[in-house]
Amino acid sequence: MKRLAFAFILVLSLALTACQTTEEQPEVPAAPAKPALKEVHPLSLLADDFSIYVGVPVKYHQQLVADIICAEIPNLSKKDALTVVKQINVLYAGLGTVADRSLLEIAAGGTIPSLAQSAIFTQNNGWISQVYRAQSTPEALKKGYPNEFKYYRRRDTRFQVGIPSQKIITVARDLAPLFENYAVREEPLETNYNEWVDLTRNAGQDIRFYITKPGQYLRNLLGSDILGSNEVFGYLTYKPDASNPSAYSGNYVLTFDLRCNTSRTAKTLFAALQLSLGLMGGNISMRDDTTLEVSGLEITEKKLIDLFTRDPITGKHFEVNADGTVTTTNR
């Protein structure tokens, strides 16, 4: 009985002490949570000197995007590629430069959970994990912008895969420029190509593209050179198989505008393309004095993949001069 009474007194004493302590020490307010950083627009990560810019609403083109990734990273399984692709909402890419037409940068937005990263990018799958520390700027570092980013590489491919946040995934041969852009968190440049391919401004199911230096890029798709146009922009629409609409057909329909410097150039182009495009089942018309519209051209997935996986050879660019002659330049 004495032990029971002692225990009761001890518990009561501790309770009273706790109450007194609580009363004597005012609650310390919790530190305010840091405001979440606005996510970077994927377009702001790409270089500004590409010949082609592409915007893909991935939800409607998952198989195509997975096939392109597998073509660039041969030993990545289609299953793993689709696992990543299904986490992506939008994908932006820059293709080819004056110096290297095979150059490719990809920046995609979505949700890339840590679990998916750890399941796919493992050493058993051939991946080596590394960390890149961006130089950033004093202003960005003062604002608390991150400047350390994880990326993955493997010995059997020239491409690296970077995940600067759980909402962004990047692919390039050298991710340093993309990470440096991410570290300063600037908005995309106000350019014609960004405005055209930006899927936040242009909602829909089509793949949008903008070609700043047409050259032979469209030759791969059309089978003929594009003469005299320094600007081409349009979109690709998926065409399902009529006999089996639920299966992936790999076929697309190409529609684009060719903007020319002069009406004379436009007329020259119109005459040159009218016959060749007609034989391919396409239609060409004059939208205005300096702009041609091409539509109804069917393109296969293979040609699209070839566009993303070009050899490192500088392409040619053709211009129609004021006197009607054609000049060939390397760009």
C-alpha atoms as a PDB file:
ATOM      1  CA  MET A   1       0.000   0.000   0.000  1.00  0.00           C
ATOM      2  CA  LYS A   2       2.866   2.392   0.829  1.00  0.00           C
ATOM      3  CA  ARG A   3       4.442   1.643  -2.566  1.00  0.00           C
ATOM      4  CA  LEU A   4       1.145   2.365  -4.301  1.00  0.00           C
ATOM      5  CA  ALA A   5       0.780   5.648  -2.445  1.00  0.00           C
ATOM      6  CA  PHE A   6       4.377   6.604  -3.275  1.00  0.00           C
ATOM      7  CA  ALA A   7       3.826   5.848  -6.938  1.00  0.00           C
ATOM      8  CA  PHE A   8       0.629   7.925  -6.936  1.00  0.00           C
ATOM      9  CA  ILE A   9       2.406  10.875  -5.318  1.00  0.00           C
ATOM     10  CA  LEU A  10       5.314  10.580  -7.818  1.00  0.00           C
ATOM     11  CA  VAL A  11       2.994  10.597 -10.826  1.00  0.00           C
ATOM     12  CA  LEU A  12       1.021  13.501  -9.384  1.00  0.00           C
ATOM     13  CA  SER A  13       4.224  15.445  -8.752  1.00  0.00           C
ATOM     14  CA  LEU A  14       5.447  14.888 -12.325  1.00  0.00           C
ATOM     15  CA  ALA A  15       2.093  15.970 -13.697  1.00  0.00           C
ATOM     16  CA  LEU A  16       2.085  19.135 -11.642  1.00  0.00           C
ATOM     17  CA  THR A  17       5.679  19.886 -12.621  1.00  0.00           C
ATOM     18  CA  ALA A  18       4.802  19.467 -16.292  1.00  0.00           C
ATOM     19  CA  CYS A  19       1.843  21.784 -15.902  1.00  0.00           C
ATOM     20  CA  GLN A  20       3.972  24.371 -14.144  1.00  0.00           C
ATOM     21  CA  THR A  21       6.673  24.115 -16.773  1.00  0.00           C
ATOM     22  CA  THR A  22       4.135  24.522 -19.528  1.00  0.00           C
ATOM     23  CA  GLU A  23       2.668  27.579 -17.881  1.00  0.00           C
ATOM     24  CA  GLU A  24       6.044  29.193 -17.255  1.00  0.00           C
ATOM     25  CA  GLN A  25       7.353  28.684 -20.814  1.00  0.00           C
ATOM     26  CA  PRO A  26       5.294  30.382 -23.512  1.00  0.00           C
ATOM     27  CA  GLU A  27       4.898  28.578 -26.790  1.00  0.00           C
ATOM     28  CA  VAL A  28       7.523  29.456 -29.375  1.00  0.00           C
ATOM     29  CA  PRO A  29       5.870  30.184 -32.729  1.00  0.00           C
ATOM     30  CA  ALA A  30       6.953  27.870 -35.518  1.00  0.00           C
ATOM     31  CA  ALA A  31       9.241  29.358 -38.113  1.00  0.00           C
ATOM     32  CA  PRO A  32       7.282  30.339 -41.214  1.00  0.00           C
ATOM     33  CA  ALA A  33       7.611  27.829 -44.023  1.00  0.00           C
ATOM     34  CA  LYS A  34       9.648  28.984 -46.998  1.00  0.00           C
ATOM     35  CA  PRO A  35       7.432  29.742 -49.972  1.00  0.00           C
ATOM     36  CA  ALA A  36       7.608  27.071 -52.626  1.00  0.00           C
ATOM     37  CA  LEU A  37       9.578  28.102 -55.686  1.00  0.00           C
ATOM     38  CA  LYS A  38       7.659  28.442 -58.898  1.00  0.00           C
ATOM     39  CA  GLU A  39       8.740  25.647 -61.209  1.00  0.00           C
ATOM     40  CA  VAL A  40      10.935  26.560 -64.149  1.00  0.00           C
ATOM     41  CA  HIS A  41       9.360  26.496 -67.609  1.00  0.00           C
ATOM     42  CA  PRO A  42      11.138  23.693 -69.539  1.00  0.00           C
ATOM     43  CA  LEU A  43      11.555  25.943 -72.601  1.00  0.00           C
ATOM     44  CA  SER A  44      13.800  28.285 -70.612  1.00  0.00           C
ATOM     45  CA  LEU A  45      16.383  25.496 -70.276  1.00  0.00           C
ATOM     46  CA  LEU A  46      17.016  25.061 -74.016  1.00  0.00           C
ATOM     47  CA  ALA A  47      19.741  26.919 -75.923  1.00  0.00           C
ATOM     48  CA  ASP A  48      18.666  29.763 -78.210  1.00  0.00           C
ATOM     49  CA  ASP A  49      20.521  28.725 -81.373  1.00  0.00           C
ATOM     50  CA  PHE A  50      18.764  25.541 -82.466  1.00  0.00           C
ATOM     51  CA  SER A  51      17.515  25.086 -86.008  1.00  0.00           C
ATOM     52  CA  ILE A  52      14.326  23.347 -84.877  1.00  0.00           C
ATOM     53  CA  TYR A  53      12.176  23.676 -81.757  1.00  0.00           C
ATOM     54  CA  VAL A  54       9.463  21.162 -80.920  1.00  0.00           C
ATOM     55  CA  GLY A  55       6.660  21.054 -78.370  1.00  0.00           C
ATOM     56  CA  VAL A  56       4.967  17.702 -77.669  1.00  0.00           C
ATOM     57  CA  PRO A  57       1.835  17.145 -75.542  1.00  0.00           C
ATOM     58  CA  VAL A  58       3.138  13.769 -74.391  1.00  0.00           C
ATOM     59  CA  LYS A  59      -0.183  12.395 -73.149  1.00  0.00           C
ATOM     60  CA  TYR A  60      -1.311  12.023 -76.765  1.00  0.00           C
ATOM     61  CA  HIS A  61       2.020  10.762 -78.165  1.00  0.00           C
ATOM     62  CA  GLN A  62       3.493   8.452 -75.528  1.00  0.00           C
ATOM     63  CA  GLN A  63       4.582   5.705 -77.907  1.00  0.00           C
ATOM     64  CA  LEU A  64       6.338   8.125 -80.268  1.00  0.00           C
ATOM     65  CA  VAL A  65       8.226   9.821 -77.416  1.00  0.00           C
ATOM     66  CA  ALA A  66       9.246   6.448 -75.927  1.00  0.00           C
ATOM     67  CA  ASP A  67      10.489   5.257 -79.337  1.00  0.00           C
ATOM     68  CA  ILE A  68      12.550   8.446 -79.798  1.00  0.00           C
ATOM     69  CA  ILE A  69      14.143   8.031 -76.361  1.00  0.00           C
ATOM     70  CA  CYS A  70      14.935   4.361 -77.085  1.00  0.00           C
ATOM     71  CA  ALA A  71      16.481   5.344 -80.410  1.00  0.00           C
ATOM     72  CA  GLU A  72      18.842   7.747 -78.623  1.00  0.00           C
ATOM     73  CA  ILE A  73      19.528   5.450 -75.639  1.00  0.00           C
ATOM     74  CA  PRO A  74      19.636   1.992 -77.303  1.00  0.00           C
ATOM     75  CA  ASN A  75      19.951  -0.145 -74.169  1.00  0.00           C
ATOM     76  CA  LEU A  76      17.091   1.551 -72.378  1.00  0.00           C
ATOM     77  CA  SER A  77      14.190  -0.910 -72.421  1.00  0.00           C
ATOM     78  CA  LYS A  78      10.898   0.170 -73.943  1.00  0.00           C
ATOM     79  CA  LYS A  79       9.245  -0.702 -70.652  1.00  0.00           C
ATOM     80  CA  ASP A  80      11.480   1.716 -68.724  1.00  0.00           C
ATOM     81  CA  ALA A  81      11.092   4.356 -71.429  1.00  0.00           C
ATOM     82  CA  LEU A  82       7.298   4.131 -71.217  1.00  0.00           C
ATOM     83  CA  THR A  83       7.477   4.252 -67.404  1.00  0.00           C
ATOM     84  CA  VAL A  84       9.286   7.589 -67.647  1.00  0.00           C
ATOM     85  CA  VAL A  85       7.133   8.893 -70.495  1.00  0.00           C
ATOM     86  CA  LYS A  86       3.906   8.237 -68.598  1.00  0.00           C
ATOM     87  CA  GLN A  87       5.118  10.634 -65.912  1.00  0.00           C
ATOM     88  CA  ILE A  88       5.637  13.445 -68.440  1.00  0.00           C
ATOM     89  CA  ASN A  89       3.023  15.997 -69.469  1.00  0.00           C
ATOM     90  CA  VAL A  90       4.909  18.143 -71.969  1.00  0.00           C
ATOM     91  CA  LEU A  91       8.210  17.778 -73.797  1.00  0.00           C
ATOM     92  CA  TYR A  92      10.245  20.462 -75.522  1.00  0.00           C
ATOM     93  CA  ALA A  93      13.258  19.807 -77.716  1.00  0.00           C
ATOM     94  CA  GLY A  94      15.878  21.767 -79.622  1.00  0.00           C
ATOM     95  CA  LEU A  95      17.414  20.023 -82.631  1.00  0.00           C
ATOM     96  CA  GLY A  96      20.498  20.857 -84.664  1.00  0.00           C
ATOM     97  CA  THR A  97      22.704  23.943 -84.745  1.00  0.00           C
ATOM     98  CA  VAL A  98      24.891  25.617 -87.346  1.00  0.00           C
ATOM     99  CA  ALA A  99      27.942  23.756 -86.065  1.00  0.00           C
ATOM    100  CA  ASP A 100      26.307  20.385 -85.387  1.00  0.00           C
ATOM    101  CA  ARG A 101      23.010  19.296 -86.864  1.00  0.00           C
ATOM    102  CA  SER A 102      22.948  16.220 -84.580  1.00  0.00           C
ATOM    103  CA  LEU A 103      22.807  18.298 -81.391  1.00  0.00           C
ATOM    104  CA  LEU A 104      19.733  17.574 -79.277  1.00  0.00           C
ATOM    105  CA  GLU A 105      18.431  18.961 -75.991  1.00  0.00           C
ATOM    106  CA  ILE A 106      15.219  17.835 -74.312  1.00  0.00           C
ATOM    107  CA  ALA A 107      13.464  19.441 -71.366  1.00  0.00           C
ATOM    108  CA  ALA A 108      10.207  17.891 -70.181  1.00  0.00           C
ATOM    109  CA  GLY A 109       7.726  18.713 -67.451  1.00  0.00           C
ATOM    110  CA  GLY A 110       5.662  16.310 -65.381  1.00  0.00           C
ATOM    111  CA  THR A 111       5.989  14.428 -62.113  1.00  0.00           C
ATOM    112  CA  ILE A 112       9.069  12.250 -61.683  1.00  0.00           C
ATOM    113  CA  PRO A 113       8.738  10.537 -58.278  1.00  0.00           C
ATOM    114  CA  SER A 114      11.882   9.446 -56.452  1.00  0.00           C
ATOM    115  CA  LEU A 115      10.632   5.860 -56.471  1.00  0.00           C
ATOM    116  CA  ALA A 116      10.545   5.800 -60.272  1.00  0.00           C
ATOM    117  CA  GLN A 117      14.052   7.290 -60.421  1.00  0.00           C
ATOM    118  CA  SER A 118      15.488   4.703 -58.050  1.00  0.00           C
ATOM    119  CA  ALA A 119      13.761   1.849 -59.901  1.00  0.00           C
ATOM    120  CA  ILE A 120      14.992   2.806 -63.392  1.00  0.00           C
ATOM    121  CA  PHE A 121      18.335   4.604 -63.035  1.00  0.00           C
ATOM    122  CA  THR A 122      20.187   1.881 -61.139  1.00  0.00           C
ATOM    123  CA  GLN A 123      23.710   0.517 -61.464  1.00  0.00           C
ATOM    124  CA  ASN A 124      22.220  -2.863 -62.360  1.00  0.00           C
ATOM    125  CA  ASN A 125      20.607  -1.146 -65.350  1.00  0.00           C
ATOM    126  CA  GLY A 126      23.941   0.385 -66.343  1.00  0.00           C
ATOM    127  CA  TRP A 127      23.425   3.898 -64.968  1.00  0.00           C
ATOM    128  CA  ILE A 128      26.002   5.909 -63.046  1.00  0.00           C
ATOM    129  CA  SER A 129      24.647   8.633 -60.750  1.00  0.00           C
ATOM    130  CA  GLN A 130      26.502  11.950 -60.492  1.00  0.00           C
ATOM    131  CA  VAL A 131      25.905  15.474 -59.166  1.00  0.00           C
ATOM    132  CA  TYR A 132      26.505  18.720 -61.049  1.00  0.00           C
ATOM    133  CA  ARG A 133      27.056  21.970 -59.149  1.00  0.00           C
ATOM    134  CA  ALA A 134      26.039  24.989 -61.222  1.00  0.00           C
ATOM    135  CA  GLN A 135      27.990  28.248 -60.923  1.00  0.00           C
ATOM    136  CA  SER A 136      24.676  30.133 -60.810  1.00  0.00           C
ATOM    137  CA  THR A 137      24.747  33.830 -59.852  1.00  0.00           C
ATOM    138  CA  PRO A 138      25.042  35.647 -56.502  1.00  0.00           C
ATOM    139  CA  GLU A 139      21.475  36.898 -56.889  1.00  0.00           C
ATOM    140  CA  ALA A 140      20.082  33.413 -57.531  1.00  0.00           C
ATOM    141  CA  LEU A 141      22.022  31.872 -54.646  1.00  0.00           C
ATOM    142  CA  LYS A 142      20.861  34.637 -52.299  1.00  0.00           C
ATOM    143  CA  LYS A 143      17.259  33.810 -53.208  1.00  0.00           C
ATOM    144  CA  GLY A 144      17.877  30.186 -52.260  1.00  0.00           C
ATOM    145  CA  TYR A 145      17.651  28.803 -55.774  1.00  0.00           C
ATOM    146  CA  PRO A 146      19.125  25.274 -55.907  1.00  0.00           C
ATOM    147  CA  ASN A 147      22.371  24.819 -57.812  1.00  0.00           C
ATOM    148  CA  GLU A 148      23.160  21.120 -57.255  1.00  0.00           C
ATOM    149  CA  PHE A 149      21.485  18.655 -59.569  1.00  0.00           C
ATOM    150  CA  LYS A 150      21.545  14.898 -59.916  1.00  0.00           C
ATOM    151  CA  TYR A 151      22.034  13.323 -63.311  1.00  0.00           C
ATOM    152  CA  TYR A 152      22.665   9.881 -64.771  1.00  0.00           C
ATOM    153  CA  ARG A 153      24.943   8.646 -67.507  1.00  0.00           C
ATOM    154  CA  ARG A 154      25.979   5.325 -68.954  1.00  0.00           C
ATOM    155  CA  ARG A 155      28.921   4.179 -71.012  1.00  0.00           C
ATOM    156  CA  ASP A 156      26.959   2.914 -74.003  1.00  0.00           C
ATOM    157  CA  THR A 157      25.255   6.203 -74.908  1.00  0.00           C
ATOM    158  CA  ARG A 158      26.362   9.775 -75.519  1.00  0.00           C
ATOM    159  CA  PHE A 159      23.343  11.151 -73.663  1.00  0.00           C
ATOM    160  CA  GLN A 160      22.921  12.096 -70.029  1.00  0.00           C
ATOM    161  CA  VAL A 161      19.611  12.188 -68.157  1.00  0.00           C
ATOM    162  CA  GLY A 162      19.125  14.906 -65.569  1.00  0.00           C
ATOM    163  CA  ILE A 163      16.374  15.433 -63.002  1.00  0.00           C
ATOM    164  CA  PRO A 164      16.858  18.925 -61.514  1.00  0.00           C
ATOM    165  CA  SER A 165      13.547  18.600 -59.682  1.00  0.00           C
ATOM    166  CA  GLN A 166      10.722  16.090 -59.360  1.00  0.00           C
ATOM    167  CA  LYS A 167       8.831  18.044 -62.015  1.00  0.00           C
ATOM    168  CA  ILE A 168      11.544  18.393 -64.674  1.00  0.00           C
ATOM    169  CA  ILE A 169      13.573  15.846 -66.636  1.00  0.00           C
ATOM    170  CA  THR A 170      16.292  16.751 -69.110  1.00  0.00           C
ATOM    171  CA  VAL A 171      18.244  14.841 -71.755  1.00  0.00           C
ATOM    172  CA  ALA A 172      21.360  16.037 -73.591  1.00  0.00           C
ATOM    173  CA  ARG A 173      24.905  15.064 -74.406  1.00  0.00           C
ATOM    174  CA  ASP A 174      26.051  17.804 -72.021  1.00  0.00           C
ATOM    175  CA  LEU A 175      23.568  18.820 -69.336  1.00  0.00           C
ATOM    176  CA  ALA A 176      25.734  21.624 -67.895  1.00  0.00           C
ATOM    177  CA  PRO A 177      24.102  24.447 -69.937  1.00  0.00           C
ATOM    178  CA  LEU A 178      20.597  23.237 -69.006  1.00  0.00           C
ATOM    179  CA  PHE A 179      21.514  23.017 -65.316  1.00  0.00           C
ATOM    180  CA  GLU A 180      23.048  26.496 -65.434  1.00  0.00           C
ATOM    181  CA  ASN A 181      19.806  27.827 -66.921  1.00  0.00           C
ATOM    182  CA  TYR A 182      17.783  26.015 -64.270  1.00  0.00           C
ATOM    183  CA  ALA A 183      19.900  27.506 -61.487  1.00  0.00           C
ATOM    184  CA  VAL A 184      19.003  31.108 -62.434  1.00  0.00           C
ATOM    185  CA  ARG A 185      15.311  30.286 -63.084  1.00  0.00           C
ATOM    186  CA  GLU A 186      14.610  32.820 -65.830  1.00  0.00           C
ATOM    187  CA  GLU A 187      11.525  32.950 -68.027  1.00  0.00           C
ATOM    188  CA  PRO A 188      11.728  31.678 -71.634  1.00  0.00           C
ATOM    189  CA  LEU A 189      12.945  34.198 -74.181  1.00  0.00           C
ATOM    190  CA  GLU A 190      10.226  36.129 -76.012  1.00  0.00           C
ATOM    191  CA  THR A 191      10.853  34.696 -79.474  1.00  0.00           C
ATOM    192  CA  ASN A 192       8.655  33.561 -82.348  1.00  0.00           C
ATOM    193  CA  TYR A 193       9.718  29.946 -81.917  1.00  0.00           C
ATOM    194  CA  ASN A 194       9.043  29.856 -78.171  1.00  0.00           C
ATOM    195  CA  GLU A 195       5.665  31.497 -78.632  1.00  0.00           C
ATOM    196  CA  TRP A 196       4.695  28.946 -81.302  1.00  0.00           C
ATOM    197  CA  VAL A 197       5.763  25.730 -79.540  1.00  0.00           C
ATOM    198  CA  ASP A 198       4.790  26.764 -75.989  1.00  0.00           C
ATOM    199  CA  LEU A 199       1.989  24.385 -75.046  1.00  0.00           C
ATOM    200  CA  THR A 200       0.854  26.577 -72.161  1.00  0.00           C
ATOM    201  CA  ARG A 201      -0.160  29.137 -74.785  1.00  0.00           C
ATOM    202  CA  ASN A 202      -1.268  26.673 -77.450  1.00  0.00           C
ATOM    203  CA  ALA A 203      -3.283  23.861 -75.896  1.00  0.00           C
ATOM    204  CA  GLY A 204      -4.182  20.866 -78.039  1.00  0.00           C
ATOM    205  CA  GLN A 205      -3.159  17.385 -79.086  1.00  0.00           C
ATOM    206  CA  ASP A 206      -0.862  18.263 -81.995  1.00  0.00           C
ATOM    207  CA  ILE A 207       2.936  18.303 -81.984  1.00  0.00           C
ATOM    208  CA  ARG A 208       4.074  21.841 -82.743  1.00  0.00           C
ATOM    209  CA  PHE A 209       7.380  22.698 -84.431  1.00  0.00           C
ATOM    210  CA  TYR A 210       9.251  25.785 -85.559  1.00  0.00           C
ATOM    211  CA  ILE A 211      12.199  25.682 -87.968  1.00  0.00           C
ATOM    212  CA  THR A 212      14.467  28.711 -87.908  1.00  0.00           C
ATOM    213  CA  LYS A 213      16.827  27.346 -90.580  1.00  0.00           C
ATOM    214  CA  PRO A 214      14.870  25.036 -92.892  1.00  0.00           C
ATOM    215  CA  GLY A 215      17.755  23.829 -95.070  1.00  0.00           C
ATOM    216  CA  GLN A 216      17.591  20.081 -95.512  1.00  0.00           C
ATOM    217  CA  TYR A 217      15.529  19.391 -92.403  1.00  0.00           C
ATOM    218  CA  LEU A 218      12.323  19.377 -94.355  1.00  0.00           C
ATOM    219  CA  ARG A 219      14.041  17.573 -97.193  1.00  0.00           C
ATOM    220  CA  ASN A 220      14.131  14.475 -94.981  1.00  0.00           C
ATOM    221  CA  LEU A 221      10.370  14.740 -94.623  1.00  0.00           C
ATOM    222  CA  LEU A 222       9.355  15.969 -98.080  1.00  0.00           C
ATOM    223  CA  GLY A 223      12.035  14.555-100.347  1.00  0.00           C
ATOM    224  CA  SER A 224      12.818  17.982-101.829  1.00  0.00           C
ATOM    225  CA  ASP A 225      14.791  21.033-100.769  1.00  0.00           C
ATOM    226  CA  ILE A 226      13.003  24.079 -99.379  1.00  0.00           C
ATOM    227  CA  LEU A 227      14.334  27.066-101.280  1.00  0.00           C
ATOM    228  CA  GLY A 228      14.003  30.631-100.125  1.00  0.00           C
ATOM    229  CA  SER A 229      12.252  30.222 -96.801  1.00  0.00           C
ATOM    230  CA  ASN A 230      13.992  31.270 -93.605  1.00  0.00           C
ATOM    231  CA  GLU A 231      11.106  30.377 -91.318  1.00  0.00           C
ATOM    232  CA  VAL A 232       8.829  27.339 -91.196  1.00  0.00           C
ATOM    233  CA  PHE A 233       6.286  26.589 -88.478  1.00  0.00           C
ATOM    234  CA  GLY A 234       3.489  24.074 -88.197  1.00  0.00           C
ATOM    235  CA  TYR A 235       2.189  20.993 -86.471  1.00  0.00           C
ATOM    236  CA  LEU A 236       1.895  17.221 -86.712  1.00  0.00           C
ATOM    237  CA  THR A 237      -1.445  15.507 -86.187  1.00  0.00           C
ATOM    238  CA  TYR A 238      -1.626  11.831 -85.274  1.00  0.00           C
ATOM    239  CA  LYS A 239      -3.484   9.701 -87.830  1.00  0.00           C
ATOM    240  CA  PRO A 240      -4.942   6.464 -86.401  1.00  0.00           C
ATOM    241  CA  ASP A 241      -5.239   3.318 -88.475  1.00  0.00           C
ATOM    242  CA  ALA A 242      -8.765   3.175 -89.876  1.00  0.00           C
ATOM    243  CA  SER A 243      -8.891  -0.613 -89.557  1.00  0.00           C
ATOM    244  CA  ASN A 244      -7.609  -0.638 -85.954  1.00  0.00           C
ATOM    245  CA  PRO A 245      -8.007   2.807 -84.341  1.00  0.00           C
ATOM    246  CA  SER A 246      -6.987   1.631 -80.855  1.00  0.00           C
ATOM    247  CA  ALA A 247      -3.546   0.420 -82.016  1.00  0.00           C
ATOM    248  CA  TYR A 248      -0.662   2.842 -82.505  1.00  0.00           C
ATOM    249  CA  SER A 249      -0.301   3.458 -86.250  1.00  0.00           C
ATOM    250  CA  GLY A 250       2.941   5.466 -86.284  1.00  0.00           C
ATOM    251  CA  ASN A 251       1.463   7.777 -88.944  1.00  0.00           C
ATOM    252  CA  TYR A 252       1.155  11.553 -88.766  1.00  0.00           C
ATOM    253  CA  VAL A 253      -0.160  14.329 -91.006  1.00  0.00           C
ATOM    254  CA  LEU A 254       2.064  17.365 -91.522  1.00  0.00           C
ATOM    255  CA  THR A 255       0.762  20.932 -91.854  1.00  0.00           C
ATOM    256  CA  PHE A 256       3.027  23.978 -91.946  1.00  0.00           C
ATOM    257  CA  ASP A 257       3.548  27.527 -93.188  1.00  0.00           C
ATOM    258  CA  LEU A 258       6.623  28.710 -95.099  1.00  0.00           C
ATOM    259  CA  ARG A 259       7.309  32.383 -94.558  1.00  0.00           C
ATOM    260  CA  CYS A 260       9.332  34.071 -97.297  1.00  0.00           C
ATOM    261  CA  ASN A 261      11.170  37.367 -97.410  1.00  0.00           C
ATOM    262  CA  THR A 262       9.529  38.620-100.603  1.00  0.00           C
ATOM    263  CA  SER A 263       6.486  37.885-102.730  1.00  0.00           C
ATOM    264  CA  ARG A 264       8.800  36.896-105.593  1.00  0.00           C
ATOM    265  CA  THR A 265      10.419  34.253-103.405  1.00  0.00           C
ATOM    266  CA  ALA A 266       6.986  32.982-102.381  1.00  0.00           C
ATOM    267  CA  LYS A 267       5.890  32.622-106.007  1.00  0.00           C
ATOM    268  CA  THR A 268       9.123  30.800-106.856  1.00  0.00           C
ATOM    269  CA  LEU A 269       8.593  28.396-103.984  1.00  0.00           C
ATOM    270  CA  PHE A 270       4.947  27.881-104.825  1.00  0.00           C
ATOM    271  CA  ALA A 271       5.781  26.853-108.394  1.00  0.00           C
ATOM    272  CA  ALA A 272       8.643  24.581-107.251  1.00  0.00           C
ATOM    273  CA  LEU A 273       6.635  22.777-104.599  1.00  0.00           C
ATOM    274  CA  GLN A 274       3.259  22.551-106.290  1.00  0.00           C
ATOM    275  CA  LEU A 275       4.157  19.546-108.414  1.00  0.00           C
ATOM    276  CA  SER A 276       6.293  17.614-105.916  1.00  0.00           C
ATOM    277  CA  LEU A 277       3.864  18.045-103.036  1.00  0.00           C
ATOM    278  CA  GLY A 278       0.921  17.188-105.262  1.00  0.00           C
ATOM    279  CA  LEU A 279       2.531  13.859-106.098  1.00  0.00           C
ATOM    280  CA  MET A 280       2.869  13.175-102.374  1.00  0.00           C
ATOM    281  CA  GLY A 281      -0.807  13.822-101.739  1.00  0.00           C
ATOM    282  CA  GLY A 282      -0.253  17.178-100.111  1.00  0.00           C
ATOM    283  CA  ASN A 283      -1.865  20.525-100.756  1.00  0.00           C
ATOM    284  CA  ILE A 284      -0.161  23.904-101.154  1.00  0.00           C
ATOM    285  CA  SER A 285      -1.739  27.324-101.222  1.00  0.00           C
ATOM    286  CA  MET A 286      -0.792  30.999-100.837  1.00  0.00           C
ATOM    287  CA  ARG A 287      -1.888  32.239 -97.420  1.00  0.00           C
ATOM    288  CA  ASP A 288      -0.727  35.760 -98.329  1.00  0.00           C
ATOM    289  CA  ASP A 289       1.869  37.416-100.566  1.00  0.00           C
ATOM    290  CA  THR A 290       4.830  36.021 -98.621  1.00  0.00           C
ATOM    291  CA  THR A 291       3.469  32.919 -96.886  1.00  0.00           C
ATOM    292  CA  LEU A 292       2.755  29.449 -98.279  1.00  0.00           C
ATOM    293  CA  GLU A 293       0.609  26.878 -96.490  1.00  0.00           C
ATOM    294  CA  VAL A 294       1.303  23.169 -96.945  1.00  0.00           C
ATOM    295  CA  SER A 295      -1.118  20.556 -95.603  1.00  0.00           C
ATOM    296  CA  GLY A 296      -2.168  16.937 -95.923  1.00  0.00           C
ATOM    297  CA  LEU A 297       1.313  15.380 -96.044  1.00  0.00           C
ATOM    298  CA  GLU A 298       1.549  11.981 -94.356  1.00  0.00           C
ATOM    299  CA  ILE A 299       4.715  11.345 -92.364  1.00  0.00           C
ATOM    300  CA  THR A 300       5.829   8.097 -90.723  1.00  0.00           C
ATOM    301  CA  GLU A 301       7.286   7.705 -87.256  1.00  0.00           C
ATOM    302  CA  LYS A 302      10.562   6.539 -88.796  1.00  0.00           C
ATOM    303  CA  LYS A 303      11.075   9.892 -90.521  1.00  0.00           C
ATOM    304  CA  LEU A 304      10.318  11.715 -87.312  1.00  0.00           C
ATOM    305  CA  ILE A 305      12.818   9.613 -85.374  1.00  0.00           C
ATOM    306  CA  ASP A 306      15.416  10.237 -88.107  1.00  0.00           C
ATOM    307  CA  LEU A 307      14.906  13.953 -87.507  1.00  0.00           C
ATOM    308  CA  PHE A 308      15.809  13.505 -83.823  1.00  0.00           C
ATOM    309  CA  THR A 309      18.754  11.163 -84.471  1.00  0.00           C
ATOM    310  CA  ARG A 310      20.772  12.937 -87.140  1.00  0.00           C
ATOM    311  CA  ASP A 311      24.426  12.374 -87.930  1.00  0.00           C
ATOM    312  CA  PRO A 312      26.855  15.101 -86.827  1.00  0.00           C
ATOM    313  CA  ILE A 313      27.117  16.692 -90.284  1.00  0.00           C
ATOM    314  CA  THR A 314      26.255  20.326 -90.916  1.00  0.00           C
ATOM    315  CA  GLY A 315      23.127  20.665 -93.054  1.00  0.00           C
ATOM    316  CA  LYS A 316      22.684  23.003 -95.999  1.00  0.00           C
ATOM    317  CA  HIS A 317      20.425  26.025 -96.156  1.00  0.00           C
ATOM    318  CA  PHE A 318      19.057  27.450 -99.409  1.00  0.00           C
ATOM    319  CA  GLU A 319      18.002  31.022-100.103  1.00  0.00           C
ATOM    320  CA  VAL A 320      16.406  32.640-103.146  1.00  0.00           C
ATOM    321  CA  ASN A 321      18.168  35.913-103.930  1.00  0.00           C
ATOM    322  CA  ALA A 322      16.493  39.096-105.180  1.00  0.00           C
ATOM    323  CA  ASP A 323      17.472  38.243-108.765  1.00  0.00           C
ATOM    324  CA  GLY A 324      15.872  34.794-108.517  1.00  0.00           C
ATOM    325  CA  THR A 325      19.138  32.857-108.195  1.00  0.00           C
ATOM    326  CA  VAL A 326      19.648  30.335-105.413  1.00  0.00           C
ATOM    327  CA  THR A 327      22.498  30.547-102.894  1.00  0.00           C
ATOM    328  CA  THR A 328      23.600  27.512-100.897  1.00  0.00           C
ATOM    329  CA  THR A 329      25.153  28.118 -97.480  1.00  0.00           C
ATOM    330  CA  ASN A 330      26.164  25.881 -94.611  1.00  0.00           C
ATOM    331  CA  ARG A 331      24.288  26.705 -91.437  1.00  0.00           C
END
